[in-house]
């Protein structure tokens, strides 16, 4: 199961990097912001995104003991979204020792 999760989150990380880079090359978010901000579904999507960032950040705060790392992860989550989420999950998966599973993945704190 852990190996499958590593593969899944690696693929998601690469895919999201591709999507963000290719979209950035086609369209400038800052130039389009006035139009995008006027679309109700775009505003709803942003509220949804930042709510998810908060949910993931609560888990990050539990997992990480170091306050500087907590702040760094918050900045990465806000700025990079699912790219940072996938990276955090992958780091947690690769920190597991042989024989550890999902219980340790979700509950074990980083020391």
N, C-alpha and C. Protein backbone atom coordinates (compact mmCIF):
# COMPACT_ATOMS: atom_id res chain seq x y z
N UNK A 1 0.81 -1.20 0.00
CA UNK A 1 0.00 0.00 0.00
C UNK A 1 0.86 1.27 0.00
N UNK A 2 1.91 1.29 0.81
CA UNK A 2 2.78 2.47 0.89
C UNK A 2 3.47 2.72 -0.44
N UNK A 3 3.93 1.65 -1.09
CA UNK A 3 4.58 1.79 -2.39
C UNK A 3 3.60 2.36 -3.41
N UNK A 4 2.39 1.88 -3.40
CA UNK A 4 1.37 2.40 -4.33
C UNK A 4 1.12 3.88 -4.08
N UNK A 5 1.06 4.28 -2.82
CA UNK A 5 0.86 5.69 -2.49
C UNK A 5 2.04 6.54 -2.96
N UNK A 6 3.24 6.02 -2.83
CA UNK A 6 4.42 6.74 -3.32
C UNK A 6 4.33 6.97 -4.82
N UNK A 7 3.91 5.95 -5.53
CA UNK A 7 3.77 6.07 -6.99
C UNK A 7 2.66 7.07 -7.33
N UNK A 8 1.52 6.94 -6.69
CA UNK A 8 0.38 7.82 -6.97
C UNK A 8 0.74 9.28 -6.72
N UNK A 9 1.33 9.56 -5.56
CA UNK A 9 1.64 10.95 -5.23
C UNK A 9 2.81 11.49 -6.05
N UNK A 10 3.71 10.63 -6.49
CA UNK A 10 4.78 11.06 -7.40
C UNK A 10 4.19 11.46 -8.75
N UNK A 11 3.28 10.65 -9.26
CA UNK A 11 2.63 10.97 -10.53
C UNK A 11 1.83 12.26 -10.40
N UNK A 12 1.08 12.41 -9.31
CA UNK A 12 0.32 13.65 -9.10
C UNK A 12 1.22 14.87 -9.02
N UNK A 13 2.35 14.74 -8.34
CA UNK A 13 3.29 15.85 -8.21
C UNK A 13 3.83 16.26 -9.58
N UNK A 14 4.27 15.29 -10.36
CA UNK A 14 4.80 15.58 -11.70
C UNK A 14 3.70 16.18 -12.58
N UNK A 15 2.50 15.61 -12.53
CA UNK A 15 1.39 16.11 -13.33
C UNK A 15 1.05 17.56 -12.99
N UNK A 16 0.96 17.87 -11.69
CA UNK A 16 0.62 19.23 -11.29
C UNK A 16 1.72 20.22 -11.67
N UNK A 17 2.97 19.81 -11.57
CA UNK A 17 4.07 20.68 -12.02
C UNK A 17 3.92 20.97 -13.51
N UNK A 18 3.62 19.93 -14.29
CA UNK A 18 3.41 20.10 -15.73
C UNK A 18 2.24 21.06 -16.00
N UNK A 19 1.12 20.84 -15.33
CA UNK A 19 -0.08 21.67 -15.55
C UNK A 19 0.21 23.13 -15.21
N UNK A 20 0.86 23.36 -14.08
CA UNK A 20 1.12 24.74 -13.66
C UNK A 20 2.11 25.42 -14.61
N UNK A 21 3.19 24.74 -14.97
CA UNK A 21 4.18 25.34 -15.86
C UNK A 21 3.59 25.58 -17.25
N UNK A 22 2.91 24.59 -17.81
CA UNK A 22 2.35 24.77 -19.16
C UNK A 22 1.28 25.86 -19.18
N UNK A 23 0.46 25.93 -18.14
CA UNK A 23 -0.56 26.98 -18.06
C UNK A 23 0.09 28.34 -17.90
N UNK A 24 1.14 28.42 -17.09
CA UNK A 24 1.84 29.70 -16.89
C UNK A 24 2.47 30.20 -18.18
N UNK A 25 2.92 29.29 -19.01
CA UNK A 25 3.51 29.68 -20.29
C UNK A 25 2.45 30.19 -21.27
N UNK A 26 1.21 29.75 -21.09
CA UNK A 26 0.13 30.15 -22.00
C UNK A 26 -0.61 31.39 -21.51
N UNK A 27 -0.65 31.61 -20.20
CA UNK A 27 -1.50 32.67 -19.66
C UNK A 27 -0.88 33.23 -18.39
N UNK A 28 -0.88 34.56 -18.29
CA UNK A 28 -0.34 35.23 -17.12
C UNK A 28 -1.46 35.44 -16.11
N UNK A 29 -1.39 34.75 -14.98
CA UNK A 29 -2.43 34.84 -13.95
C UNK A 29 -2.64 36.27 -13.49
N UNK A 30 -1.58 37.02 -13.31
CA UNK A 30 -1.71 38.38 -12.79
C UNK A 30 -2.38 39.32 -13.80
N UNK A 31 -2.17 39.08 -15.08
CA UNK A 31 -2.81 39.88 -16.11
C UNK A 31 -4.30 39.52 -16.24
N UNK A 32 -4.63 38.26 -15.99
CA UNK A 32 -6.00 37.78 -16.12
C UNK A 32 -6.82 37.92 -14.83
N UNK A 33 -6.18 38.37 -13.74
CA UNK A 33 -6.82 38.34 -12.44
C UNK A 33 -8.12 39.13 -12.38
N UNK A 34 -8.18 40.29 -13.01
CA UNK A 34 -9.40 41.10 -12.99
C UNK A 34 -10.59 40.34 -13.56
N UNK A 35 -10.38 39.67 -14.68
CA UNK A 35 -11.44 38.88 -15.30
C UNK A 35 -11.78 37.66 -14.45
N UNK A 36 -10.76 36.94 -14.01
CA UNK A 36 -10.99 35.72 -13.23
C UNK A 36 -11.70 36.03 -11.92
N UNK A 37 -11.30 37.11 -11.28
CA UNK A 37 -11.92 37.48 -10.00
C UNK A 37 -13.39 37.86 -10.12
N UNK A 38 -13.83 38.17 -11.33
CA UNK A 38 -15.23 38.54 -11.53
C UNK A 38 -16.13 37.33 -11.72
N UNK A 39 -15.56 36.15 -11.86
CA UNK A 39 -16.33 34.93 -12.08
C UNK A 39 -16.69 34.31 -10.72
N UNK A 40 -17.97 34.18 -10.41
CA UNK A 40 -18.36 33.62 -9.10
C UNK A 40 -17.74 32.25 -8.81
N UNK A 41 -17.67 31.40 -9.81
CA UNK A 41 -17.08 30.08 -9.56
C UNK A 41 -15.58 30.16 -9.26
N UNK A 42 -14.91 31.15 -9.78
CA UNK A 42 -13.49 31.32 -9.46
C UNK A 42 -13.34 31.72 -8.00
N UNK A 43 -14.21 32.61 -7.53
CA UNK A 43 -14.15 33.00 -6.11
C UNK A 43 -14.48 31.80 -5.22
N UNK A 44 -15.47 31.00 -5.61
CA UNK A 44 -15.81 29.80 -4.83
C UNK A 44 -14.64 28.82 -4.83
N UNK A 45 -13.97 28.68 -5.96
CA UNK A 45 -12.82 27.77 -6.06
C UNK A 45 -11.68 28.23 -5.16
N UNK A 46 -11.46 29.53 -5.09
CA UNK A 46 -10.41 30.05 -4.20
C UNK A 46 -10.75 29.81 -2.73
N UNK A 47 -12.01 30.04 -2.35
CA UNK A 47 -12.42 29.74 -0.98
C UNK A 47 -12.23 28.25 -0.68
N UNK A 48 -12.59 27.41 -1.63
CA UNK A 48 -12.41 25.97 -1.47
C UNK A 48 -10.93 25.62 -1.32
N UNK A 49 -10.09 26.21 -2.16
CA UNK A 49 -8.65 25.96 -2.11
C UNK A 49 -8.07 26.33 -0.75
N UNK A 50 -8.37 27.54 -0.28
CA UNK A 50 -7.78 27.98 0.99
C UNK A 50 -8.36 27.24 2.19
N UNK A 51 -9.57 26.77 2.09
CA UNK A 51 -10.12 25.91 3.14
C UNK A 51 -9.34 24.60 3.19
N UNK A 52 -9.05 24.03 2.03
CA UNK A 52 -8.25 22.81 1.98
C UNK A 52 -6.84 23.04 2.49
N UNK A 53 -6.27 24.20 2.17
CA UNK A 53 -4.94 24.53 2.70
C UNK A 53 -4.97 24.52 4.22
N UNK A 54 -6.00 25.08 4.81
CA UNK A 54 -6.12 25.09 6.27
C UNK A 54 -6.22 23.68 6.83
N UNK A 55 -7.02 22.83 6.19
CA UNK A 55 -7.17 21.44 6.65
C UNK A 55 -5.83 20.72 6.59
N UNK A 56 -5.12 20.86 5.49
CA UNK A 56 -3.82 20.19 5.35
C UNK A 56 -2.81 20.78 6.33
N UNK A 57 -2.87 22.10 6.53
CA UNK A 57 -1.93 22.74 7.44
C UNK A 57 -2.12 22.27 8.88
N UNK A 58 -3.34 21.97 9.29
CA UNK A 58 -3.58 21.42 10.63
C UNK A 58 -2.80 20.11 10.78
N UNK A 59 -2.83 19.26 9.75
CA UNK A 59 -2.07 18.00 9.79
C UNK A 59 -0.57 18.28 9.81
N UNK A 60 -0.13 19.25 9.03
CA UNK A 60 1.29 19.63 9.02
C UNK A 60 1.71 20.08 10.42
N UNK A 61 0.88 20.87 11.07
CA UNK A 61 1.21 21.34 12.43
C UNK A 61 1.32 20.19 13.41
N UNK A 62 0.50 19.16 13.23
CA UNK A 62 0.61 17.98 14.08
C UNK A 62 1.89 17.21 13.79
N UNK A 63 2.20 17.04 12.52
CA UNK A 63 3.35 16.22 12.11
C UNK A 63 4.69 16.89 12.42
N UNK A 64 4.79 18.18 12.19
CA UNK A 64 6.05 18.91 12.35
C UNK A 64 6.13 19.55 13.73
N UNK A 65 7.25 19.37 14.39
CA UNK A 65 7.45 19.99 15.70
C UNK A 65 8.08 21.38 15.58
N UNK A 66 8.88 21.58 14.57
CA UNK A 66 9.63 22.82 14.37
C UNK A 66 8.72 23.91 13.80
N UNK A 67 8.64 25.06 14.49
CA UNK A 67 7.77 26.15 14.05
C UNK A 67 8.22 26.75 12.73
N UNK A 68 9.52 26.79 12.48
CA UNK A 68 10.00 27.32 11.20
C UNK A 68 9.53 26.45 10.05
N UNK A 69 9.56 25.13 10.24
CA UNK A 69 9.05 24.23 9.20
C UNK A 69 7.55 24.38 9.01
N UNK A 70 6.83 24.60 10.10
CA UNK A 70 5.38 24.82 9.99
C UNK A 70 5.10 26.06 9.15
N UNK A 71 5.81 27.14 9.41
CA UNK A 71 5.62 28.38 8.65
C UNK A 71 6.02 28.19 7.19
N UNK A 72 7.14 27.50 6.97
CA UNK A 72 7.59 27.23 5.60
C UNK A 72 6.53 26.43 4.84
N UNK A 73 6.00 25.38 5.46
CA UNK A 73 4.97 24.57 4.80
C UNK A 73 3.71 25.38 4.55
N UNK A 74 3.34 26.27 5.44
CA UNK A 74 2.16 27.10 5.21
C UNK A 74 2.37 27.97 3.97
N UNK A 75 3.54 28.59 3.87
CA UNK A 75 3.85 29.41 2.69
C UNK A 75 3.83 28.58 1.41
N UNK A 76 4.43 27.38 1.48
CA UNK A 76 4.45 26.52 0.30
C UNK A 76 3.04 26.07 -0.09
N UNK A 77 2.22 25.74 0.89
CA UNK A 77 0.85 25.32 0.60
C UNK A 77 0.04 26.46 -0.03
N UNK A 78 0.20 27.67 0.50
CA UNK A 78 -0.54 28.82 -0.03
C UNK A 78 -0.07 29.16 -1.45
N UNK A 79 1.24 29.11 -1.68
CA UNK A 79 1.79 29.53 -2.97
C UNK A 79 1.75 28.42 -4.03
N UNK A 80 1.92 27.18 -3.61
CA UNK A 80 2.04 26.10 -4.59
C UNK A 80 0.87 25.12 -4.59
N UNK A 81 0.00 25.22 -3.60
CA UNK A 81 -1.18 24.36 -3.58
C UNK A 81 -0.88 22.88 -3.57
N UNK A 82 -1.46 22.17 -4.53
CA UNK A 82 -1.34 20.71 -4.54
C UNK A 82 0.08 20.23 -4.82
N UNK A 83 0.90 21.06 -5.41
CA UNK A 83 2.31 20.69 -5.59
C UNK A 83 2.95 20.52 -4.22
N UNK A 84 2.72 21.48 -3.33
CA UNK A 84 3.27 21.39 -1.97
C UNK A 84 2.61 20.26 -1.20
N UNK A 85 1.30 20.07 -1.37
CA UNK A 85 0.60 18.98 -0.68
C UNK A 85 1.18 17.63 -1.06
N UNK A 86 1.37 17.42 -2.35
CA UNK A 86 1.95 16.15 -2.82
C UNK A 86 3.37 15.97 -2.29
N UNK A 87 4.14 17.05 -2.29
CA UNK A 87 5.53 16.97 -1.79
C UNK A 87 5.53 16.61 -0.31
N UNK A 88 4.66 17.24 0.48
CA UNK A 88 4.61 16.94 1.91
C UNK A 88 4.23 15.48 2.14
N UNK A 89 3.22 15.00 1.43
CA UNK A 89 2.79 13.60 1.57
C UNK A 89 3.93 12.66 1.18
N UNK A 90 4.61 12.95 0.08
CA UNK A 90 5.73 12.09 -0.34
C UNK A 90 6.84 12.06 0.70
N UNK A 91 7.16 13.21 1.26
CA UNK A 91 8.19 13.25 2.31
C UNK A 91 7.77 12.37 3.48
N UNK A 92 6.50 12.47 3.88
CA UNK A 92 6.02 11.64 5.00
C UNK A 92 6.08 10.15 4.64
N UNK A 93 5.75 9.81 3.42
CA UNK A 93 5.79 8.40 2.99
C UNK A 93 7.22 7.87 2.99
N UNK A 94 8.17 8.67 2.51
CA UNK A 94 9.55 8.22 2.45
C UNK A 94 10.23 8.22 3.83
N UNK A 95 9.65 8.90 4.80
CA UNK A 95 10.19 8.87 6.17
C UNK A 95 9.79 7.60 6.92
N UNK A 96 8.80 6.88 6.42
CA UNK A 96 8.37 5.66 7.10
C UNK A 96 9.47 4.61 7.07
N UNK A 97 9.58 3.91 8.17
CA UNK A 97 10.55 2.81 8.26
C UNK A 97 9.91 1.55 7.68
N UNK A 98 10.73 0.60 7.26
CA UNK A 98 10.16 -0.66 6.76
C UNK A 98 9.22 -1.27 7.80
N UNK A 99 8.07 -1.72 7.35
CA UNK A 99 7.10 -2.31 8.25
C UNK A 99 6.06 -1.33 8.78
N UNK A 100 6.34 -0.02 8.67
CA UNK A 100 5.36 0.96 9.11
C UNK A 100 4.31 1.14 8.01
N UNK A 101 3.09 1.45 8.43
CA UNK A 101 2.00 1.57 7.47
C UNK A 101 1.24 2.87 7.61
N UNK A 102 -0.03 2.81 7.23
CA UNK A 102 -0.86 4.01 7.23
C UNK A 102 -1.06 4.60 8.62
N UNK A 103 -1.12 3.75 9.63
CA UNK A 103 -1.29 4.25 11.00
C UNK A 103 -0.14 5.20 11.35
N UNK A 104 1.08 4.77 11.08
CA UNK A 104 2.26 5.60 11.36
C UNK A 104 2.31 6.81 10.43
N UNK A 105 1.89 6.60 9.18
CA UNK A 105 1.88 7.70 8.21
C UNK A 105 1.04 8.87 8.73
N UNK A 106 -0.14 8.56 9.25
CA UNK A 106 -1.03 9.61 9.72
C UNK A 106 -0.71 10.12 11.12
N UNK A 107 -0.17 9.25 11.97
CA UNK A 107 -0.05 9.62 13.38
C UNK A 107 1.36 9.92 13.87
N UNK A 108 2.37 9.38 13.23
CA UNK A 108 3.75 9.56 13.71
C UNK A 108 4.22 10.98 13.48
N UNK A 109 4.73 11.61 14.56
CA UNK A 109 5.25 12.98 14.44
C UNK A 109 6.70 12.93 13.99
N UNK A 110 7.09 14.00 13.29
CA UNK A 110 8.48 14.12 12.84
C UNK A 110 9.33 14.66 13.98
N UNK A 111 10.43 14.02 14.20
CA UNK A 111 11.27 14.44 15.31
C UNK A 111 12.52 14.98 14.84
